[in-house]
Amino acid sequence: MTGEQRRIGFHWHLRKVMAAHNLWKSTDLRPLLQSRGVNLSDAQIYRLVTTEPQRISSRTLAALCDIFDCSPGELFEPFVEMRAAKTAQAPSGRALGLGLGPSPSGPIAHRIRVVEDSDGQTT
C-alpha cells in the first residue's frame, strides 16, 4: 500500500493560558483545581503544566476551562501531520546476497516531521 497516512498530534497551551491569567507557578493551580473537585498532587500538576499530557480526564479538562473561562480548543490545539504509509516488506539486495542496500558504514536515514506553521508554510 502506498500513499499518505494521517497522523494526529497536538499542542498543549496550558502554560500560555496560565500566563495570560497571571499564574506563573504550577502550585498556584492546585487550590483552583481542588475547589472544583479535582485533586492532583503537586507533581501531577507540574507535569500537566510543563508537558503535553498523554491522557487527561474530562473532569480535569472541564475544571481548567472553568478556571480560565476558556474553551478546550484554547488549551488543546490538534494538528495533522502527514507521512508516507508503510509499503510491503521486501528483502533488501544485501539480504539476497546481491551486495545491494545500505551498508553499516553508509548513510543513515532519519525520519523528519513536516508541519505547517500558522501562515500555511511548510517547515
PDB file of N, CA and C in Angstrom:
ATOM      1  N   MET A   1       0.844  -1.176   0.000  1.00  0.00           N
ATOM      2  CA  MET A   1       0.000   0.000   0.000  1.00  0.00           C
ATOM      3  C   MET A   1       0.885   1.232   0.000  1.00  0.00           C
ATOM      4  N   THR A   2       0.626   2.157  -0.878  1.00  0.00           N
ATOM      5  CA  THR A   2       1.375   3.396  -0.910  1.00  0.00           C
ATOM      6  C   THR A   2       0.409   4.538  -0.670  1.00  0.00           C
ATOM      7  N   GLY A   3       0.937   5.738  -0.568  1.00  0.00           N
ATOM      8  CA  GLY A   3       0.101   6.896  -0.325  1.00  0.00           C
ATOM      9  C   GLY A   3       0.500   7.552   0.975  1.00  0.00           C
ATOM     10  N   GLU A   4      -0.405   8.346   1.499  1.00  0.00           N
ATOM     11  CA  GLU A   4      -0.109   9.047   2.736  1.00  0.00           C
ATOM     12  C   GLU A   4      -1.032   8.589   3.843  1.00  0.00           C
ATOM     13  N   GLN A   5      -0.547   8.692   5.042  1.00  0.00           N
ATOM     14  CA  GLN A   5      -1.290   8.295   6.220  1.00  0.00           C
ATOM     15  C   GLN A   5      -1.380   9.524   7.127  1.00  0.00           C
ATOM     16  N   ARG A   6      -2.566   9.806   7.664  1.00  0.00           N
ATOM     17  CA  ARG A   6      -2.742  10.950   8.547  1.00  0.00           C
ATOM     18  C   ARG A   6      -2.337  10.559   9.964  1.00  0.00           C
ATOM     19  N   ARG A   7      -1.539  11.389  10.557  1.00  0.00           N
ATOM     20  CA  ARG A   7      -1.162  11.198  11.953  1.00  0.00           C
ATOM     21  C   ARG A   7      -1.533  12.478  12.679  1.00  0.00           C
ATOM     22  N   ILE A   8      -2.182  12.344  13.819  1.00  0.00           N
ATOM     23  CA  ILE A   8      -2.671  13.490  14.562  1.00  0.00           C
ATOM     24  C   ILE A   8      -1.750  13.778  15.745  1.00  0.00           C
ATOM     25  N   GLY A   9      -1.392  15.025  15.906  1.00  0.00           N
ATOM     26  CA  GLY A   9      -0.624  15.483  17.055  1.00  0.00           C
ATOM     27  C   GLY A   9      -1.382  16.623  17.709  1.00  0.00           C
ATOM     28  N   PHE A  10      -0.816  17.196  18.751  1.00  0.00           N
ATOM     29  CA  PHE A  10      -1.463  18.344  19.378  1.00  0.00           C
ATOM     30  C   PHE A  10      -0.441  19.205  20.095  1.00  0.00           C
ATOM     31  N   HIS A  11      -0.811  20.463  20.255  1.00  0.00           N
ATOM     32  CA  HIS A  11      -0.029  21.405  21.048  1.00  0.00           C
ATOM     33  C   HIS A  11      -0.829  21.683  22.310  1.00  0.00           C
ATOM     34  N   TRP A  12      -0.168  21.687  23.442  1.00  0.00           N
ATOM     35  CA  TRP A  12      -0.807  21.906  24.738  1.00  0.00           C
ATOM     36  C   TRP A  12      -0.432  23.307  25.201  1.00  0.00           C
ATOM     37  N   HIS A  13      -1.430  24.169  25.424  1.00  0.00           N
ATOM     38  CA  HIS A  13      -1.197  25.586  25.708  1.00  0.00           C
ATOM     39  C   HIS A  13      -1.508  25.989  27.141  1.00  0.00           C
ATOM     40  N   LEU A  14      -1.521  25.059  28.081  1.00  0.00           N
ATOM     41  CA  LEU A  14      -1.888  25.406  29.453  1.00  0.00           C
ATOM     42  C   LEU A  14      -0.959  26.463  30.034  1.00  0.00           C
ATOM     43  N   ARG A  15       0.337  26.314  29.830  1.00  0.00           N
ATOM     44  CA  ARG A  15       1.282  27.299  30.402  1.00  0.00           C
ATOM     45  C   ARG A  15       1.004  28.696  29.852  1.00  0.00           C
ATOM     46  N   LYS A  16       0.735  28.794  28.567  1.00  0.00           N
ATOM     47  CA  LYS A  16       0.446  30.086  27.940  1.00  0.00           C
ATOM     48  C   LYS A  16      -0.859  30.680  28.493  1.00  0.00           C
ATOM     49  N   VAL A  17      -1.876  29.833  28.648  1.00  0.00           N
ATOM     50  CA  VAL A  17      -3.164  30.295  29.190  1.00  0.00           C
ATOM     51  C   VAL A  17      -2.986  30.740  30.643  1.00  0.00           C
ATOM     52  N   MET A  18      -2.199  29.993  31.418  1.00  0.00           N
ATOM     53  CA  MET A  18      -1.935  30.399  32.798  1.00  0.00           C
ATOM     54  C   MET A  18      -1.251  31.761  32.852  1.00  0.00           C
ATOM     55  N   ALA A  19      -0.251  31.961  31.996  1.00  0.00           N
ATOM     56  CA  ALA A  19       0.474  33.234  31.976  1.00  0.00           C
ATOM     57  C   ALA A  19      -0.461  34.399  31.625  1.00  0.00           C
ATOM     58  N   ALA A  20      -1.389  34.155  30.713  1.00  0.00           N
ATOM     59  CA  ALA A  20      -2.348  35.203  30.341  1.00  0.00           C
ATOM     60  C   ALA A  20      -3.243  35.584  31.514  1.00  0.00           C
ATOM     61  N   HIS A  21      -3.372  34.671  32.496  1.00  0.00           N
ATOM     62  CA  HIS A  21      -4.169  34.936  33.690  1.00  0.00           C
ATOM     63  C   HIS A  21      -3.284  35.234  34.905  1.00  0.00           C
ATOM     64  N   ASN A  22      -2.038  35.585  34.635  1.00  0.00           N
ATOM     65  CA  ASN A  22      -1.075  35.974  35.662  1.00  0.00           C
ATOM     66  C   ASN A  22      -0.816  34.867  36.691  1.00  0.00           C
ATOM     67  N   LEU A  23      -0.865  33.626  36.243  1.00  0.00           N
ATOM     68  CA  LEU A  23      -0.480  32.488  37.085  1.00  0.00           C
ATOM     69  C   LEU A  23       0.850  31.972  36.543  1.00  0.00           C
ATOM     70  N   TRP A  24       1.880  31.984  37.379  1.00  0.00           N
ATOM     71  CA  TRP A  24       3.213  31.655  36.891  1.00  0.00           C
ATOM     72  C   TRP A  24       3.755  30.353  37.454  1.00  0.00           C
ATOM     73  N   LYS A  25       3.205  29.883  38.558  1.00  0.00           N
ATOM     74  CA  LYS A  25       3.711  28.654  39.184  1.00  0.00           C
ATOM     75  C   LYS A  25       2.640  27.572  39.106  1.00  0.00           C
ATOM     76  N   SER A  26       3.086  26.353  38.863  1.00  0.00           N
ATOM     77  CA  SER A  26       2.131  25.243  38.788  1.00  0.00           C
ATOM     78  C   SER A  26       1.430  25.032  40.125  1.00  0.00           C
ATOM     79  N   THR A  27       2.106  25.346  41.234  1.00  0.00           N
ATOM     80  CA  THR A  27       1.485  25.160  42.551  1.00  0.00           C
ATOM     81  C   THR A  27       0.304  26.111  42.765  1.00  0.00           C
ATOM     82  N   ASP A  28       0.256  27.222  42.036  1.00  0.00           N
ATOM     83  CA  ASP A  28      -0.879  28.148  42.140  1.00  0.00           C
ATOM     84  C   ASP A  28      -2.161  27.520  41.585  1.00  0.00           C
ATOM     85  N   LEU A  29      -2.013  26.503  40.778  1.00  0.00           N
ATOM     86  CA  LEU A  29      -3.161  25.858  40.144  1.00  0.00           C
ATOM     87  C   LEU A  29      -3.859  24.857  41.076  1.00  0.00           C
ATOM     88  N   ARG A  30      -3.124  24.327  42.039  1.00  0.00           N
ATOM     89  CA  ARG A  30      -3.667  23.270  42.902  1.00  0.00           C
ATOM     90  C   ARG A  30      -4.947  23.680  43.637  1.00  0.00           C
ATOM     91  N   PRO A  31      -4.971  24.818  44.375  1.00  0.00           N
ATOM     92  CA  PRO A  31      -6.213  25.170  45.079  1.00  0.00           C
ATOM     93  C   PRO A  31      -7.379  25.456  44.133  1.00  0.00           C
ATOM     94  N   LEU A  32      -7.072  25.959  42.951  1.00  0.00           N
ATOM     95  CA  LEU A  32      -8.125  26.232  41.968  1.00  0.00           C
ATOM     96  C   LEU A  32      -8.751  24.933  41.469  1.00  0.00           C
ATOM     97  N   LEU A  33      -7.913  23.929  41.237  1.00  0.00           N
ATOM     98  CA  LEU A  33      -8.427  22.624  40.828  1.00  0.00           C
ATOM     99  C   LEU A  33      -9.184  21.954  41.975  1.00  0.00           C
ATOM    100  N   GLN A  34      -8.628  22.018  43.188  1.00  0.00           N
ATOM    101  CA  GLN A  34      -9.277  21.393  44.342  1.00  0.00           C
ATOM    102  C   GLN A  34     -10.655  21.980  44.593  1.00  0.00           C
ATOM    103  N   SER A  35     -10.806  23.279  44.391  1.00  0.00           N
ATOM    104  CA  SER A  35     -12.112  23.911  44.624  1.00  0.00           C
ATOM    105  C   SER A  35     -13.153  23.441  43.608  1.00  0.00           C
ATOM    106  N   ARG A  36     -12.700  22.770  42.567  1.00  0.00           N
ATOM    107  CA  ARG A  36     -13.600  22.219  41.547  1.00  0.00           C
ATOM    108  C   ARG A  36     -13.654  20.688  41.612  1.00  0.00           C
ATOM    109  N   GLY A  37     -13.162  20.132  42.708  1.00  0.00           N
ATOM    110  CA  GLY A  37     -13.247  18.690  42.921  1.00  0.00           C
ATOM    111  C   GLY A  37     -12.186  17.869  42.225  1.00  0.00           C
ATOM    112  N   VAL A  38     -11.121  18.493  41.735  1.00  0.00           N
ATOM    113  CA  VAL A  38     -10.031  17.778  41.068  1.00  0.00           C
ATOM    114  C   VAL A  38      -8.829  17.791  42.002  1.00  0.00           C
ATOM    115  N   ASN A  39      -8.475  16.620  42.514  1.00  0.00           N
ATOM    116  CA  ASN A  39      -7.367  16.504  43.466  1.00  0.00           C
ATOM    117  C   ASN A  39      -6.182  15.824  42.802  1.00  0.00           C
ATOM    118  N   LEU A  40      -5.208  16.621  42.446  1.00  0.00           N
ATOM    119  CA  LEU A  40      -3.969  16.127  41.842  1.00  0.00           C
ATOM    120  C   LEU A  40      -2.805  16.506  42.749  1.00  0.00           C
ATOM    121  N   SER A  41      -1.756  15.690  42.736  1.00  0.00           N
ATOM    122  CA  SER A  41      -0.560  16.006  43.519  1.00  0.00           C
ATOM    123  C   SER A  41       0.188  17.153  42.842  1.00  0.00           C
ATOM    124  N   ASP A  42       1.111  17.754  43.590  1.00  0.00           N
ATOM    125  CA  ASP A  42       1.927  18.824  43.007  1.00  0.00           C
ATOM    126  C   ASP A  42       2.705  18.316  41.794  1.00  0.00           C
ATOM    127  N   ALA A  43       3.204  17.073  41.879  1.00  0.00           N
ATOM    128  CA  ALA A  43       3.957  16.501  40.748  1.00  0.00           C
ATOM    129  C   ALA A  43       3.054  16.317  39.526  1.00  0.00           C
ATOM    130  N   GLN A  44       1.824  15.851  39.725  1.00  0.00           N
ATOM    131  CA  GLN A  44       0.896  15.681  38.604  1.00  0.00           C
ATOM    132  C   GLN A  44       0.552  17.023  37.973  1.00  0.00           C
ATOM    133  N   ILE A  45       0.347  18.030  38.790  1.00  0.00           N
ATOM    134  CA  ILE A  45       0.023  19.365  38.268  1.00  0.00           C
ATOM    135  C   ILE A  45       1.221  19.931  37.510  1.00  0.00           C
ATOM    136  N   TYR A  46       2.419  19.744  38.046  1.00  0.00           N
ATOM    137  CA  TYR A  46       3.625  20.217  37.369  1.00  0.00           C
ATOM    138  C   TYR A  46       3.743  19.595  35.978  1.00  0.00           C
ATOM    139  N   ARG A  47       3.535  18.273  35.895  1.00  0.00           N
ATOM    140  CA  ARG A  47       3.602  17.597  34.590  1.00  0.00           C
ATOM    141  C   ARG A  47       2.498  18.082  33.660  1.00  0.00           C
ATOM    142  N   LEU A  48       1.314  18.338  34.215  1.00  0.00           N
ATOM    143  CA  LEU A  48       0.193  18.833  33.411  1.00  0.00           C
ATOM    144  C   LEU A  48       0.525  20.193  32.798  1.00  0.00           C
ATOM    145  N   VAL A  49       1.235  21.019  33.552  1.00  0.00           N
ATOM    146  CA  VAL A  49       1.582  22.362  33.092  1.00  0.00           C
ATOM    147  C   VAL A  49       2.766  22.340  32.135  1.00  0.00           C
ATOM    148  N   THR A  50       3.763  21.522  32.412  1.00  0.00           N
ATOM    149  CA  THR A  50       5.030  21.610  31.674  1.00  0.00           C
ATOM    150  C   THR A  50       5.172  20.648  30.502  1.00  0.00           C
ATOM    151  N   THR A  51       4.333  19.617  30.426  1.00  0.00           N
ATOM    152  CA  THR A  51       4.443  18.665  29.317  1.00  0.00           C
ATOM    153  C   THR A  51       3.077  18.447  28.684  1.00  0.00           C
ATOM    154  N   GLU A  52       3.084  17.932  27.465  1.00  0.00           N
ATOM    155  CA  GLU A  52       1.827  17.605  26.799  1.00  0.00           C
ATOM    156  C   GLU A  52       1.291  16.309  27.395  1.00  0.00           C
ATOM    157  N   PRO A  53       0.107  16.362  27.991  1.00  0.00           N
ATOM    158  CA  PRO A  53      -0.410  15.143  28.625  1.00  0.00           C
ATOM    159  C   PRO A  53      -0.787  14.086  27.594  1.00  0.00           C
ATOM    160  N   GLN A  54      -0.489  12.839  27.896  1.00  0.00           N
ATOM    161  CA  GLN A  54      -0.891  11.737  27.026  1.00  0.00           C
ATOM    162  C   GLN A  54      -2.352  11.394  27.258  1.00  0.00           C
ATOM    163  N   ARG A  55      -2.799  11.605  28.488  1.00  0.00           N
ATOM    164  CA  ARG A  55      -4.208  11.387  28.853  1.00  0.00           C
ATOM    165  C   ARG A  55      -4.605  12.502  29.807  1.00  0.00           C
ATOM    166  N   ILE A  56      -5.834  12.973  29.681  1.00  0.00           N
ATOM    167  CA  ILE A  56      -6.358  13.939  30.628  1.00  0.00           C
ATOM    168  C   ILE A  56      -7.834  13.618  30.822  1.00  0.00           C
ATOM    169  N   SER A  57      -8.265  13.607  32.070  1.00  0.00           N
ATOM    170  CA  SER A  57      -9.663  13.267  32.324  1.00  0.00           C
ATOM    171  C   SER A  57     -10.557  14.425  31.879  1.00  0.00           C
ATOM    172  N   SER A  58     -11.756  14.087  31.506  1.00  0.00           N
ATOM    173  CA  SER A  58     -12.701  15.125  31.083  1.00  0.00           C
ATOM    174  C   SER A  58     -13.012  16.055  32.247  1.00  0.00           C
ATOM    175  N   ARG A  59     -13.019  15.545  33.478  1.00  0.00           N
ATOM    176  CA  ARG A  59     -13.265  16.384  34.653  1.00  0.00           C
ATOM    177  C   ARG A  59     -12.145  17.413  34.824  1.00  0.00           C
ATOM    178  N   THR A  60     -10.892  16.996  34.628  1.00  0.00           N
ATOM    179  CA  THR A  60      -9.768  17.921  34.750  1.00  0.00           C
ATOM    180  C   THR A  60      -9.807  18.964  33.641  1.00  0.00           C
ATOM    181  N   LEU A  61     -10.100  18.538  32.418  1.00  0.00           N
ATOM    182  CA  LEU A  61     -10.197  19.478  31.301  1.00  0.00           C
ATOM    183  C   LEU A  61     -11.327  20.482  31.539  1.00  0.00           C
ATOM    184  N   ALA A  62     -12.467  20.003  32.028  1.00  0.00           N
ATOM    185  CA  ALA A  62     -13.591  20.894  32.313  1.00  0.00           C
ATOM    186  C   ALA A  62     -13.228  21.889  33.418  1.00  0.00           C
ATOM    187  N   ALA A  63     -12.501  21.421  34.441  1.00  0.00           N
ATOM    188  CA  ALA A  63     -12.083  22.307  35.527  1.00  0.00           C
ATOM    189  C   ALA A  63     -11.138  23.392  35.012  1.00  0.00           C
ATOM    190  N   LEU A  64     -10.190  23.023  34.163  1.00  0.00           N
ATOM    191  CA  LEU A  64      -9.276  24.008  33.591  1.00  0.00           C
ATOM    192  C   LEU A  64     -10.031  25.041  32.763  1.00  0.00           C
ATOM    193  N   CYS A  65     -11.003  24.592  31.980  1.00  0.00           N
ATOM    194  CA  CYS A  65     -11.817  25.517  31.185  1.00  0.00           C
ATOM    195  C   CYS A  65     -12.592  26.472  32.084  1.00  0.00           C
ATOM    196  N   ASP A  66     -13.096  25.966  33.210  1.00  0.00           N
ATOM    197  CA  ASP A  66     -13.828  26.814  34.147  1.00  0.00           C
ATOM    198  C   ASP A  66     -12.888  27.812  34.827  1.00  0.00           C
ATOM    199  N   ILE A  67     -11.727  27.348  35.256  1.00  0.00           N
ATOM    200  CA  ILE A  67     -10.756  28.215  35.933  1.00  0.00           C
ATOM    201  C   ILE A  67     -10.361  29.385  35.036  1.00  0.00           C
ATOM    202  N   PHE A  68     -10.080  29.093  33.777  1.00  0.00           N
ATOM    203  CA  PHE A  68      -9.566  30.119  32.876  1.00  0.00           C
ATOM    204  C   PHE A  68     -10.630  30.714  31.953  1.00  0.00           C
ATOM    205  N   ASP A  69     -11.887  30.313  32.157  1.00  0.00           N
ATOM    206  CA  ASP A  69     -13.000  30.804  31.351  1.00  0.00           C
ATOM    207  C   ASP A  69     -12.649  30.713  29.858  1.00  0.00           C
ATOM    208  N   CYS A  70     -12.277  29.489  29.455  1.00  0.00           N
ATOM    209  CA  CYS A  70     -11.860  29.265  28.075  1.00  0.00           C
ATOM    210  C   CYS A  70     -12.506  27.989  27.543  1.00  0.00           C
ATOM    211  N   SER A  71     -12.326  27.748  26.271  1.00  0.00           N
ATOM    212  CA  SER A  71     -12.819  26.514  25.656  1.00  0.00           C
ATOM    213  C   SER A  71     -11.681  25.502  25.599  1.00  0.00           C
ATOM    214  N   PRO A  72     -11.996  24.216  25.434  1.00  0.00           N
ATOM    215  CA  PRO A  72     -10.927  23.219  25.305  1.00  0.00           C
ATOM    216  C   PRO A  72      -9.973  23.539  24.147  1.00  0.00           C
ATOM    217  N   GLY A  73     -10.491  24.150  23.078  1.00  0.00           N
ATOM    218  CA  GLY A  73      -9.658  24.487  21.934  1.00  0.00           C
ATOM    219  C   GLY A  73      -8.575  25.515  22.238  1.00  0.00           C
ATOM    220  N   GLU A  74      -8.743  26.279  23.310  1.00  0.00           N
ATOM    221  CA  GLU A  74      -7.711  27.241  23.701  1.00  0.00           C
ATOM    222  C   GLU A  74      -6.587  26.567  24.488  1.00  0.00           C
ATOM    223  N   LEU A  75      -6.873  25.409  25.065  1.00  0.00           N
ATOM    224  CA  LEU A  75      -5.870  24.653  25.813  1.00  0.00           C
ATOM    225  C   LEU A  75      -5.193  23.598  24.945  1.00  0.00           C
ATOM    226  N   PHE A  76      -5.943  23.058  24.010  1.00  0.00           N
ATOM    227  CA  PHE A  76      -5.552  21.866  23.269  1.00  0.00           C
ATOM    228  C   PHE A  76      -5.748  22.146  21.783  1.00  0.00           C
ATOM    229  N   GLU A  77      -4.649  22.202  21.019  1.00  0.00           N
ATOM    230  CA  GLU A  77      -4.723  22.523  19.592  1.00  0.00           C
ATOM    231  C   GLU A  77      -4.253  21.325  18.761  1.00  0.00           C
ATOM    232  N   PRO A  78      -5.194  20.573  18.182  1.00  0.00           N
ATOM    233  CA  PRO A  78      -4.783  19.426  17.366  1.00  0.00           C
ATOM    234  C   PRO A  78      -4.230  19.879  16.017  1.00  0.00           C
ATOM    235  N   PHE A  79      -3.362  19.063  15.436  1.00  0.00           N
ATOM    236  CA  PHE A  79      -2.867  19.312  14.088  1.00  0.00           C
ATOM    237  C   PHE A  79      -2.659  17.976  13.388  1.00  0.00           C
ATOM    238  N   VAL A  80      -2.672  18.026  12.070  1.00  0.00           N
ATOM    239  CA  VAL A  80      -2.490  16.819  11.260  1.00  0.00           C
ATOM    240  C   VAL A  80      -1.068  16.822  10.734  1.00  0.00           C
ATOM    241  N   GLU A  81      -0.418  15.718  10.916  1.00  0.00           N
ATOM    242  CA  GLU A  81       0.951  15.524  10.448  1.00  0.00           C
ATOM    243  C   GLU A  81       0.881  14.460   9.359  1.00  0.00           C
ATOM    244  N   MET A  82       1.303  14.767   8.159  1.00  0.00           N
ATOM    245  CA  MET A  82       1.236  13.802   7.058  1.00  0.00           C
ATOM    246  C   MET A  82       2.548  13.044   6.969  1.00  0.00           C
ATOM    247  N   ARG A  83       2.441  11.761   6.670  1.00  0.00           N
ATOM    248  CA  ARG A  83       3.646  10.967   6.419  1.00  0.00           C
ATOM    249  C   ARG A  83       3.292   9.834   5.467  1.00  0.00           C
ATOM    250  N   ALA A  84       4.293   9.316   4.809  1.00  0.00           N
ATOM    251  CA  ALA A  84       4.062   8.234   3.851  1.00  0.00           C
ATOM    252  C   ALA A  84       3.653   6.972   4.584  1.00  0.00           C
ATOM    253  N   ALA A  85       2.751   6.242   3.996  1.00  0.00           N
ATOM    254  CA  ALA A  85       2.306   4.971   4.567  1.00  0.00           C
ATOM    255  C   ALA A  85       3.380   3.922   4.347  1.00  0.00           C
ATOM    256  N   LYS A  86       3.380   2.902   5.178  1.00  0.00           N
ATOM    257  CA  LYS A  86       4.346   1.807   5.015  1.00  0.00           C
ATOM    258  C   LYS A  86       4.044   1.049   3.733  1.00  0.00           C
ATOM    259  N   THR A  87       5.091   0.539   3.128  1.00  0.00           N
ATOM    260  CA  THR A  87       4.939  -0.298   1.938  1.00  0.00           C
ATOM    261  C   THR A  87       5.246  -1.734   2.323  1.00  0.00           C
ATOM    262  N   ALA A  88       5.063  -2.634   1.397  1.00  0.00           N
ATOM    263  CA  ALA A  88       5.314  -4.056   1.654  1.00  0.00           C
ATOM    264  C   ALA A  88       6.758  -4.263   2.092  1.00  0.00           C
ATOM    265  N   GLN A  89       6.976  -5.214   2.949  1.00  0.00           N
ATOM    266  CA  GLN A  89       8.308  -5.527   3.459  1.00  0.00           C
ATOM    267  C   GLN A  89       9.035  -6.421   2.458  1.00  0.00           C
ATOM    268  N   ALA A  90       9.869  -5.857   1.633  1.00  0.00           N
ATOM    269  CA  ALA A  90      10.632  -6.625   0.666  1.00  0.00           C
ATOM    270  C   ALA A  90      12.063  -6.777   1.182  1.00  0.00           C
ATOM    271  N   PRO A  91      12.679  -7.916   0.989  1.00  0.00           N
ATOM    272  CA  PRO A  91      14.066  -8.079   1.435  1.00  0.00           C
ATOM    273  C   PRO A  91      14.983  -7.190   0.610  1.00  0.00           C
ATOM    274  N   SER A  92      16.023  -6.698   1.241  1.00  0.00           N
ATOM    275  CA  SER A  92      16.984  -5.856   0.527  1.00  0.00           C
ATOM    276  C   SER A  92      17.880  -6.735  -0.333  1.00  0.00           C
ATOM    277  N   GLY A  93      18.567  -6.108  -1.267  1.00  0.00           N
ATOM    278  CA  GLY A  93      19.505  -6.843  -2.107  1.00  0.00           C
ATOM    279  C   GLY A  93      20.610  -7.481  -1.284  1.00  0.00           C
ATOM    280  N   ARG A  94      21.012  -6.836  -0.195  1.00  0.00           N
ATOM    281  CA  ARG A  94      22.051  -7.384   0.676  1.00  0.00           C
ATOM    282  C   ARG A  94      21.578  -8.697   1.292  1.00  0.00           C
ATOM    283  N   ALA A  95      20.302  -8.744   1.714  1.00  0.00           N
ATOM    284  CA  ALA A  95      19.760  -9.970   2.317  1.00  0.00           C
ATOM    285  C   ALA A  95      19.728 -11.103   1.291  1.00  0.00           C
ATOM    286  N   LEU A  96      19.619 -10.765   0.007  1.00  0.00           N
ATOM    287  CA  LEU A  96      19.595 -11.778  -1.038  1.00  0.00           C
ATOM    288  C   LEU A  96      20.990 -12.115  -1.537  1.00  0.00           C
ATOM    289  N   GLY A  97      22.012 -11.476  -0.942  1.00  0.00           N
ATOM    290  CA  GLY A  97      23.388 -11.749  -1.340  1.00  0.00           C
ATOM    291  C   GLY A  97      23.799 -11.007  -2.602  1.00  0.00           C
ATOM    292  N   LEU A  98      23.111  -9.921  -2.948  1.00  0.00           N
ATOM    293  CA  LEU A  98      23.425  -9.175  -4.163  1.00  0.00           C
ATOM    294  C   LEU A  98      24.339  -7.986  -3.908  1.00  0.00           C
ATOM    295  N   GLY A  99      24.682  -7.738  -2.637  1.00  0.00           N
ATOM    296  CA  GLY A  99      25.558  -6.606  -2.328  1.00  0.00           C
ATOM    297  C   GLY A  99      24.852  -5.271  -2.463  1.00  0.00           C
ATOM    298  N   LEU A 100      23.547  -5.270  -2.467  1.00  0.00           N
ATOM    299  CA  LEU A 100      22.788  -4.026  -2.585  1.00  0.00           C
ATOM    300  C   LEU A 100      22.241  -3.623  -1.218  1.00  0.00           C
ATOM    301  N   GLY A 101      21.785  -2.419  -1.115  1.00  0.00           N
ATOM    302  CA  GLY A 101      21.173  -1.951   0.125  1.00  0.00           C
ATOM    303  C   GLY A 101      22.176  -1.207   0.972  1.00  0.00           C
ATOM    304  N   PRO A 102      21.715  -0.649   2.064  1.00  0.00           N
ATOM    305  CA  PRO A 102      22.598   0.156   2.907  1.00  0.00           C
ATOM    306  C   PRO A 102      23.665  -0.696   3.583  1.00  0.00           C
ATOM    307  N   SER A 103      24.836  -0.125   3.709  1.00  0.00           N
ATOM    308  CA  SER A 103      25.907  -0.826   4.403  1.00  0.00           C
ATOM    309  C   SER A 103      26.048  -0.227   5.796  1.00  0.00           C
ATOM    310  N   PRO A 104      26.633  -0.955   6.731  1.00  0.00           N
ATOM    311  CA  PRO A 104      26.773  -0.437   8.096  1.00  0.00           C
ATOM    312  C   PRO A 104      27.535   0.881   8.153  1.00  0.00           C
ATOM    313  N   SER A 105      28.455   1.122   7.229  1.00  0.00           N
ATOM    314  CA  SER A 105      29.228   2.358   7.256  1.00  0.00           C
ATOM    315  C   SER A 105      28.605   3.446   6.376  1.00  0.00           C
ATOM    316  N   GLY A 106      27.507   3.141   5.703  1.00  0.00           N
ATOM    317  CA  GLY A 106      26.865   4.106   4.815  1.00  0.00           C
ATOM    318  C   GLY A 106      25.991   5.092   5.567  1.00  0.00           C
ATOM    319  N   PRO A 107      25.355   5.989   4.833  1.00  0.00           N
ATOM    320  CA  PRO A 107      24.500   6.997   5.459  1.00  0.00           C
ATOM    321  C   PRO A 107      23.292   6.345   6.141  1.00  0.00           C
ATOM    322  N   ILE A 108      22.814   6.997   7.163  1.00  0.00           N
ATOM    323  CA  ILE A 108      21.659   6.509   7.917  1.00  0.00           C
ATOM    324  C   ILE A 108      20.485   7.427   7.641  1.00  0.00           C
ATOM    325  N   ALA A 109      19.346   6.855   7.306  1.00  0.00           N
ATOM    326  CA  ALA A 109      18.144   7.651   7.059  1.00  0.00           C
ATOM    327  C   ALA A 109      17.516   8.038   8.390  1.00  0.00           C
ATOM    328  N   HIS A 110      17.023   9.264   8.481  1.00  0.00           N
ATOM    329  CA  HIS A 110      16.338   9.753   9.673  1.00  0.00           C
ATOM    330  C   HIS A 110      14.941  10.185   9.295  1.00  0.00           C
ATOM    331  N   ARG A 111      13.994   9.967  10.188  1.00  0.00           N
ATOM    332  CA  ARG A 111      12.629  10.434   9.957  1.00  0.00           C
ATOM    333  C   ARG A 111      12.565  11.921  10.264  1.00  0.00           C
ATOM    334  N   ILE A 112      11.803  12.617   9.455  1.00  0.00           N
ATOM    335  CA  ILE A 112      11.570  14.027   9.722  1.00  0.00           C
ATOM    336  C   ILE A 112      10.076  14.251   9.801  1.00  0.00           C
ATOM    337  N   ARG A 113       9.678  15.334  10.425  1.00  0.00           N
ATOM    338  CA  ARG A 113       8.269  15.674  10.552  1.00  0.00           C
ATOM    339  C   ARG A 113       8.026  16.976   9.803  1.00  0.00           C
ATOM    340  N   VAL A 114       7.085  16.960   8.877  1.00  0.00           N
ATOM    341  CA  VAL A 114       6.744  18.145   8.099  1.00  0.00           C
ATOM    342  C   VAL A 114       5.419  18.670   8.626  1.00  0.00           C
ATOM    343  N   VAL A 115       5.423  19.931   9.065  1.00  0.00           N
ATOM    344  CA  VAL A 115       4.211  20.548   9.596  1.00  0.00           C
ATOM    345  C   VAL A 115       4.036  21.915   8.957  1.00  0.00           C
ATOM    346  N   GLU A 116       2.823  22.418   9.001  1.00  0.00           N
ATOM    347  CA  GLU A 116       2.549  23.757   8.504  1.00  0.00           C
ATOM    348  C   GLU A 116       2.517  24.709   9.680  1.00  0.00           C
ATOM    349  N   ASP A 117       3.114  25.915   9.487  1.00  0.00           N
ATOM    350  CA  ASP A 117       3.035  26.904  10.545  1.00  0.00           C
ATOM    351  C   ASP A 117       1.707  27.672  10.390  1.00  0.00           C
ATOM    352  N   SER A 118       1.505  28.675  11.221  1.00  0.00           N
ATOM    353  CA  SER A 118       0.232  29.383  11.226  1.00  0.00           C
ATOM    354  C   SER A 118      -0.049  30.130   9.911  1.00  0.00           C
ATOM    355  N   ASP A 119       0.976  30.375   9.104  1.00  0.00           N
ATOM    356  CA  ASP A 119       0.793  31.051   7.814  1.00  0.00           C
ATOM    357  C   ASP A 119       0.576  30.062   6.688  1.00  0.00           C
ATOM    358  N   GLY A 120       0.503  28.764   6.986  1.00  0.00           N
ATOM    359  CA  GLY A 120       0.293  27.752   5.974  1.00  0.00           C
ATOM    360  C   GLY A 120       1.563  27.352   5.243  1.00  0.00           C
ATOM    361  N   GLN A 121       2.732  27.806   5.747  1.00  0.00           N
ATOM    362  CA  GLN A 121       4.005  27.475   5.121  1.00  0.00           C
ATOM    363  C   GLN A 121       4.496  26.137   5.667  1.00  0.00           C
ATOM    364  N   THR A 122       5.020  25.293   4.822  1.00  0.00           N
ATOM    365  CA  THR A 122       5.561  24.008   5.248  1.00  0.00           C
ATOM    366  C   THR A 122       6.961  24.233   5.783  1.00  0.00           C
ATOM    367  N   THR A 123       7.230  23.659   6.980  1.00  0.00           N
ATOM    368  CA  THR A 123       8.568  23.804   7.588  1.00  0.00           C
ATOM    369  C   THR A 123       9.133  22.451   7.892  1.00  0.00           C
TER     370      THR A 123
END
